Amino acid sequence: MASLPDGLTTLQDYIRWGASRFNKAGLFFGHGTDNALDEAAQLVLHALSLPPDLPARFHDCHLTEEERLAIAALFERRILERIPAAYLTHQAWFAGLEFYVDENVLVPRSPLAELVETGFGPWVEPDTIARVLDLCTGSGCIGIAAAVYLPDADIDLADISPAALAVAARNIAAQGLEDRVRVVESDLFAGLGAQKYDLIVSNPPYVSAEELAALPAEYHREPRLGLAGGASGLDLVLRILREAPRYLKEDGVLIVEVGKTAAALEALFPEIPFMWIEFERGGEGVFLLDRPRLLEYQPLFARETTAS
């Protein structure tokens, strides 16, 4: 059982205490928060069954012993086991929406949220998007958010992991989107049949072996299946580039996040003018290619996929 500190009684006391402990323990913050105070607040409010936007006037409220013990227990797990806070609370936010998460899926944090919130404009005209594929969907956050921001579109969420798809299905139901969003168990495109899409968006595994080995302990709590992209990080990205045209409509668009692996992708294909999307809220490594351009460069993609 976690011990309780003397002299701390209020909600604000425990947020400050948690932040101090997290900083002292050298925790890494990159799964929904970027600092110790915000992460401590997230865990405190969850333990108390309170909303994340709790008004400040409640911060001086005194806590019961049972509440303080619940908070201390969460802090202990965060510190000793290096579990990201989102896995302890089973809550994450993406594009302004709340999602259930567990250790079968990555914690949502993609810069693609900003793009989803605009209906993928100005890169794609939202009114032209009737069917979307969220490839390597994980929790379903990208595709489900797309369904919210594109209310006339149908969305397929594809993933190779049945456990991840169970999480995605739970999130579909929570948003009441069962009539427009479906899950498909598929190794990339293999299980999609003859379906074609106006937009394919993907945040696939793209972390290189070297980068993966160097990641903080918190990242190793996430499913390796959702991170590991092979030696260069491009194993699945190359397959997507090669196979995507068959699943895009004539003027369809492919959007893929590759993060820091963008440099390796450009080095591999210096002749291809990837369109890299810029984000106002930060984030990088997201490219866009339309179907005509994908077809134009198929010989290069096929060559590299065969070589790898």
Protein backbone atom coordinates (compact mmCIF):
# COMPACT_ATOMS: atom_id res chain seq x y z
CA MET A 1 0.00 0.00 0.00
CA ALA A 2 1.27 3.47 -0.89
CA SER A 3 2.10 5.67 2.09
CA LEU A 4 0.48 9.08 2.56
CA PRO A 5 2.58 12.20 3.16
CA ASP A 6 1.97 14.29 6.27
CA GLY A 7 0.39 17.71 5.92
CA LEU A 8 -1.14 17.27 2.44
CA THR A 9 -4.91 17.37 2.42
CA THR A 10 -6.25 19.20 -0.64
CA LEU A 11 -6.61 18.33 -4.28
CA GLN A 12 -4.01 20.97 -5.15
CA ASP A 13 -1.62 19.57 -2.53
CA TYR A 14 -1.68 16.19 -4.23
CA ILE A 15 -1.17 17.60 -7.72
CA ARG A 16 1.91 19.47 -6.51
CA TRP A 17 3.19 16.44 -4.59
CA GLY A 18 2.70 14.16 -7.57
CA ALA A 19 4.51 16.55 -9.92
CA SER A 20 7.45 16.75 -7.52
CA ARG A 21 7.66 12.97 -7.27
CA PHE A 22 7.43 12.54 -11.04
CA ASN A 23 10.22 15.03 -11.67
CA LYS A 24 12.42 13.45 -9.02
CA ALA A 25 11.83 10.01 -10.54
CA GLY A 26 12.83 11.24 -14.00
CA LEU A 27 9.62 10.15 -15.72
CA PHE A 28 9.14 10.79 -19.42
CA PHE A 29 6.06 12.69 -20.60
CA GLY A 30 4.94 12.16 -24.17
CA HIS A 31 1.63 10.33 -24.06
CA GLY A 32 -0.93 13.11 -23.87
CA THR A 33 0.96 15.46 -21.54
CA ASP A 34 4.40 17.04 -21.74
CA ASN A 35 5.06 17.94 -18.11
CA ALA A 36 4.78 16.58 -14.58
CA LEU A 37 2.11 18.99 -13.34
CA ASP A 38 -0.36 18.16 -16.09
CA GLU A 39 0.23 14.43 -15.65
CA ALA A 40 -0.23 14.63 -11.89
CA ALA A 41 -3.44 16.60 -12.39
CA GLN A 42 -4.70 14.00 -14.85
CA LEU A 43 -4.18 11.18 -12.37
CA VAL A 44 -5.59 13.08 -9.40
CA LEU A 45 -8.77 14.06 -11.24
CA HIS A 46 -9.24 10.53 -12.54
CA ALA A 47 -8.86 9.05 -9.05
CA LEU A 48 -11.55 11.45 -7.84
CA SER A 49 -13.89 10.80 -10.81
CA LEU A 50 -13.73 14.48 -11.71
CA PRO A 51 -13.59 16.07 -15.18
CA PRO A 52 -10.30 17.36 -16.62
CA ASP A 53 -11.72 20.90 -16.81
CA LEU A 54 -12.60 21.07 -13.11
CA PRO A 55 -12.99 24.75 -12.11
CA ALA A 56 -10.11 26.12 -10.04
CA ARG A 57 -12.39 26.91 -7.09
CA PHE A 58 -12.49 23.19 -6.28
CA HIS A 59 -8.71 22.81 -6.05
CA ASP A 60 -8.67 23.68 -2.33
CA CYS A 61 -11.22 21.03 -1.45
CA HIS A 62 -10.05 18.58 1.22
CA LEU A 63 -9.75 14.92 0.33
CA THR A 64 -10.88 11.90 2.30
CA GLU A 65 -8.34 9.30 3.32
CA GLU A 66 -9.80 6.85 0.79
CA GLU A 67 -9.34 9.43 -1.98
CA ARG A 68 -5.77 10.19 -0.93
CA LEU A 69 -4.91 6.48 -0.91
CA ALA A 70 -6.35 6.05 -4.41
CA ILE A 71 -4.25 8.94 -5.71
CA ALA A 72 -1.10 7.68 -4.02
CA ALA A 73 -1.62 4.21 -5.53
CA LEU A 74 -1.83 5.66 -9.04
CA PHE A 75 1.31 7.72 -8.46
CA GLU A 76 3.16 4.60 -7.29
CA ARG A 77 2.26 2.65 -10.42
CA ARG A 78 3.21 5.56 -12.67
CA ILE A 79 6.64 5.83 -11.03
CA LEU A 80 7.55 2.21 -10.35
CA GLU A 81 6.15 0.62 -13.51
CA ARG A 82 6.66 3.56 -15.92
CA ILE A 83 3.11 3.10 -17.21
CA PRO A 84 1.85 6.09 -19.24
CA ALA A 85 -0.94 7.89 -17.42
CA ALA A 86 -3.39 7.16 -20.24
CA TYR A 87 -3.11 3.43 -19.55
CA LEU A 88 -3.79 4.00 -15.85
CA THR A 89 -6.88 6.11 -16.52
CA HIS A 90 -7.93 4.37 -19.77
CA GLN A 91 -8.60 7.85 -21.14
CA ALA A 92 -6.99 9.76 -23.98
CA TRP A 93 -8.03 12.71 -26.09
CA PHE A 94 -7.68 13.18 -29.83
CA ALA A 95 -9.16 15.94 -32.00
CA GLY A 96 -11.24 17.11 -29.04
CA LEU A 97 -12.77 13.66 -28.45
CA GLU A 98 -12.28 11.22 -25.59
CA PHE A 99 -11.11 7.68 -26.35
CA TYR A 100 -10.72 4.51 -24.32
CA VAL A 101 -7.17 3.13 -24.48
CA ASP A 102 -5.33 0.19 -22.99
CA GLU A 103 -1.97 -1.48 -23.56
CA ASN A 104 -3.21 -3.12 -26.78
CA VAL A 105 -3.07 0.22 -28.62
CA LEU A 106 -0.79 3.22 -28.85
CA VAL A 107 -1.75 6.29 -26.85
CA PRO A 108 -3.19 8.82 -29.35
CA ARG A 109 -0.79 11.71 -29.98
CA SER A 110 -0.58 12.12 -33.75
CA PRO A 111 -0.41 15.60 -35.32
CA LEU A 112 -3.01 14.24 -37.73
CA ALA A 113 -5.60 15.42 -35.18
CA GLU A 114 -5.17 18.95 -36.50
CA LEU A 115 -5.81 17.76 -40.04
CA VAL A 116 -8.86 15.74 -39.03
CA GLU A 117 -10.39 18.78 -37.33
CA THR A 118 -10.38 20.65 -40.66
CA GLY A 119 -11.99 17.76 -42.53
CA PHE A 120 -8.57 17.26 -44.21
CA GLY A 121 -8.87 20.64 -45.90
CA PRO A 122 -7.29 22.43 -47.61
CA TRP A 123 -5.37 19.35 -48.78
CA VAL A 124 -8.54 17.45 -49.67
CA GLU A 125 -11.93 19.04 -50.28
CA PRO A 126 -14.11 17.72 -47.42
CA ASP A 127 -17.27 17.63 -49.53
CA THR A 128 -15.63 15.14 -51.92
CA ILE A 129 -14.81 12.58 -49.22
CA ALA A 130 -17.38 9.79 -49.16
CA ARG A 131 -15.28 6.87 -47.93
CA VAL A 132 -12.15 6.88 -45.73
CA LEU A 133 -9.75 4.13 -44.69
CA ASP A 134 -7.87 4.49 -41.40
CA LEU A 135 -5.07 1.98 -41.98
CA CYS A 136 -3.24 0.58 -38.92
CA THR A 137 -6.01 2.13 -36.85
CA GLY A 138 -5.09 1.00 -33.31
CA SER A 139 -7.59 2.68 -30.99
CA GLY A 140 -9.52 3.97 -33.99
CA CYS A 141 -8.94 7.58 -32.98
CA ILE A 142 -8.08 8.91 -36.47
CA GLY A 143 -10.92 7.22 -38.31
CA ILE A 144 -13.52 7.80 -35.59
CA ALA A 145 -12.61 11.47 -35.34
CA ALA A 146 -12.79 11.67 -39.14
CA ALA A 147 -16.33 10.30 -38.95
CA VAL A 148 -17.26 13.05 -36.48
CA TYR A 149 -15.76 15.83 -38.57
CA LEU A 150 -16.98 14.33 -41.89
CA PRO A 151 -20.59 13.49 -41.00
CA ASP A 152 -21.46 12.25 -44.51
CA ALA A 153 -18.50 9.87 -44.88
CA ASP A 154 -18.27 6.13 -44.22
CA ILE A 155 -15.10 4.96 -42.48
CA ASP A 156 -13.25 1.65 -42.37
CA LEU A 157 -10.81 0.99 -39.52
CA ALA A 158 -8.25 -1.65 -40.48
CA ASP A 159 -5.67 -3.32 -38.24
CA ILE A 160 -3.89 -6.66 -38.03
CA SER A 161 -4.46 -6.88 -34.25
CA PRO A 162 -7.81 -8.30 -33.04
CA ALA A 163 -7.10 -6.83 -29.58
CA ALA A 164 -6.64 -3.36 -31.06
CA LEU A 165 -9.82 -3.71 -33.09
CA ALA A 166 -11.73 -4.59 -29.92
CA VAL A 167 -10.60 -1.26 -28.48
CA ALA A 168 -11.57 0.52 -31.70
CA ALA A 169 -15.02 -1.11 -31.66
CA ARG A 170 -15.53 0.07 -28.09
CA ASN A 171 -14.68 3.62 -29.16
CA ILE A 172 -17.03 3.43 -32.15
CA ALA A 173 -19.87 2.46 -29.83
CA ALA A 174 -18.98 5.22 -27.35
CA GLN A 175 -19.35 7.79 -30.13
CA GLY A 176 -22.54 6.18 -31.48
CA LEU A 177 -21.05 5.71 -34.95
CA GLU A 178 -21.84 2.05 -35.63
CA ASP A 179 -23.89 2.98 -38.72
CA ARG A 180 -20.93 4.63 -40.51
CA VAL A 181 -17.77 3.12 -39.05
CA ARG A 182 -16.70 -0.53 -39.22
CA VAL A 183 -13.62 -2.47 -38.14
CA VAL A 184 -11.77 -4.80 -40.50
CA GLU A 185 -9.09 -7.26 -39.43
CA SER A 186 -6.49 -6.90 -42.15
CA ASP A 187 -2.75 -7.13 -42.74
CA LEU A 188 -2.56 -3.68 -44.35
CA PHE A 189 -4.86 -3.95 -47.40
CA ALA A 190 -5.14 -7.74 -47.57
CA GLY A 191 -8.59 -8.01 -45.96
CA LEU A 192 -10.30 -5.12 -47.73
CA GLY A 193 -11.44 -6.90 -50.88
CA ALA A 194 -12.27 -4.61 -53.81
CA GLN A 195 -13.14 -1.57 -51.68
CA LYS A 196 -11.88 1.80 -52.93
CA TYR A 197 -11.52 5.02 -50.96
CA ASP A 198 -11.43 8.76 -51.53
CA LEU A 199 -8.90 9.04 -48.72
CA ILE A 200 -6.53 6.61 -47.06
CA VAL A 201 -4.91 7.94 -43.89
CA SER A 202 -2.38 5.95 -41.91
CA ASN A 203 -0.19 6.21 -38.85
CA PRO A 204 1.64 2.91 -39.36
CA PRO A 205 4.55 1.47 -37.37
CA TYR A 206 7.51 3.56 -38.53
CA VAL A 207 10.07 3.56 -35.72
CA SER A 208 13.48 2.26 -36.78
CA ALA A 209 15.19 -0.48 -34.77
CA GLU A 210 17.84 1.93 -33.51
CA GLU A 211 15.32 4.58 -32.47
CA LEU A 212 13.06 2.00 -30.81
CA ALA A 213 15.91 0.67 -28.66
CA ALA A 214 16.66 4.18 -27.42
CA LEU A 215 13.10 5.17 -26.50
CA PRO A 216 12.24 5.89 -22.84
CA ALA A 217 10.70 3.09 -20.79
CA GLU A 218 7.18 4.51 -21.15
CA TYR A 219 7.20 3.77 -24.89
CA HIS A 220 8.09 0.15 -24.23
CA ARG A 221 4.78 -0.15 -22.40
CA GLU A 222 3.06 0.36 -25.75
CA PRO A 223 2.52 -2.56 -28.16
CA ARG A 224 5.67 -3.16 -30.19
CA LEU A 225 3.41 -4.07 -33.10
CA GLY A 226 2.29 -0.44 -33.28
CA LEU A 227 5.80 1.04 -33.27
CA ALA A 228 8.41 -1.23 -34.89
CA GLY A 229 8.95 -0.48 -38.57
CA GLY A 230 11.99 -2.66 -39.19
CA ALA A 231 15.64 -1.71 -39.46
CA SER A 232 15.00 1.59 -41.27
CA GLY A 233 11.45 2.14 -40.04
CA LEU A 234 10.10 1.91 -43.60
CA ASP A 235 9.02 -1.73 -43.89
CA LEU A 236 5.27 -1.06 -43.76
CA VAL A 237 5.51 2.39 -45.33
CA LEU A 238 6.99 0.88 -48.49
CA ARG A 239 4.21 -1.70 -48.67
CA ILE A 240 1.61 1.05 -48.28
CA LEU A 241 3.15 3.11 -51.07
CA ARG A 242 3.20 0.10 -53.38
CA GLU A 243 -0.30 -1.22 -52.63
CA ALA A 244 -2.34 1.93 -51.98
CA PRO A 245 -3.24 2.82 -55.62
CA ARG A 246 -5.37 -0.33 -55.96
CA TYR A 247 -7.55 0.88 -53.08
CA LEU A 248 -7.85 4.55 -54.03
CA LYS A 249 -10.47 6.04 -56.31
CA GLU A 250 -9.22 7.79 -59.45
CA ASP A 251 -8.49 11.07 -57.68
CA GLY A 252 -7.98 9.54 -54.24
CA VAL A 253 -5.36 10.73 -51.77
CA LEU A 254 -2.97 8.94 -49.43
CA ILE A 255 -1.81 10.62 -46.20
CA VAL A 256 0.80 8.84 -44.08
CA GLU A 257 2.61 9.77 -40.88
CA VAL A 258 6.24 8.67 -40.75
CA GLY A 259 7.63 10.95 -38.03
CA LYS A 260 11.41 11.11 -37.81
CA THR A 261 11.65 8.44 -40.49
CA ALA A 262 10.83 11.15 -43.04
CA ALA A 263 14.55 11.72 -43.58
CA ALA A 264 15.11 8.06 -44.45
CA LEU A 265 12.14 8.10 -46.83
CA GLU A 266 13.42 11.17 -48.67
CA ALA A 267 16.92 9.73 -48.85
CA LEU A 268 15.54 6.54 -50.37
CA PHE A 269 13.46 8.42 -52.96
CA PRO A 270 15.23 11.73 -53.69
CA GLU A 271 13.41 12.02 -57.02
CA ILE A 272 9.93 12.02 -55.47
CA PRO A 273 8.46 15.40 -54.44
CA PHE A 274 6.63 14.31 -51.31
CA MET A 275 4.15 16.93 -50.11
CA TRP A 276 4.95 17.40 -46.41
CA ILE A 277 2.10 18.84 -44.36
CA GLU A 278 2.87 21.61 -41.86
CA PHE A 279 0.96 21.85 -38.58
CA GLU A 280 0.20 24.97 -36.55
CA ARG A 281 0.24 23.05 -33.25
CA GLY A 282 3.50 21.22 -33.92
CA GLY A 283 4.36 17.86 -35.36
CA GLU A 284 6.12 16.72 -38.50
CA GLY A 285 6.69 13.82 -40.83
CA VAL A 286 3.27 13.57 -42.51
CA PHE A 287 3.23 13.31 -46.31
CA LEU A 288 0.51 13.40 -48.95
CA LEU A 289 0.52 11.76 -52.38
CA ASP A 290 -2.44 11.46 -54.73
CA ARG A 291 -3.19 8.36 -56.79
CA PRO A 292 -1.75 9.68 -60.08
CA ARG A 293 1.55 10.45 -58.37
CA LEU A 294 1.58 7.07 -56.61
CA LEU A 295 1.09 5.34 -59.94
CA GLU A 296 3.82 7.41 -61.55
CA TYR A 297 6.37 6.22 -59.00
CA GLN A 298 5.25 2.60 -58.70
CA PRO A 299 8.44 1.24 -60.35
CA LEU A 300 10.52 2.89 -57.60
CA PHE A 301 8.28 1.61 -54.80
CA ALA A 302 8.23 -1.90 -56.24
CA ARG A 303 12.02 -1.90 -56.58
CA GLU A 304 12.62 -0.90 -52.96
CA THR A 305 9.96 -3.23 -51.57
CA THR A 306 11.52 -6.15 -53.44
CA ALA A 307 15.00 -5.17 -52.29
CA SER A 308 13.96 -5.02 -48.65
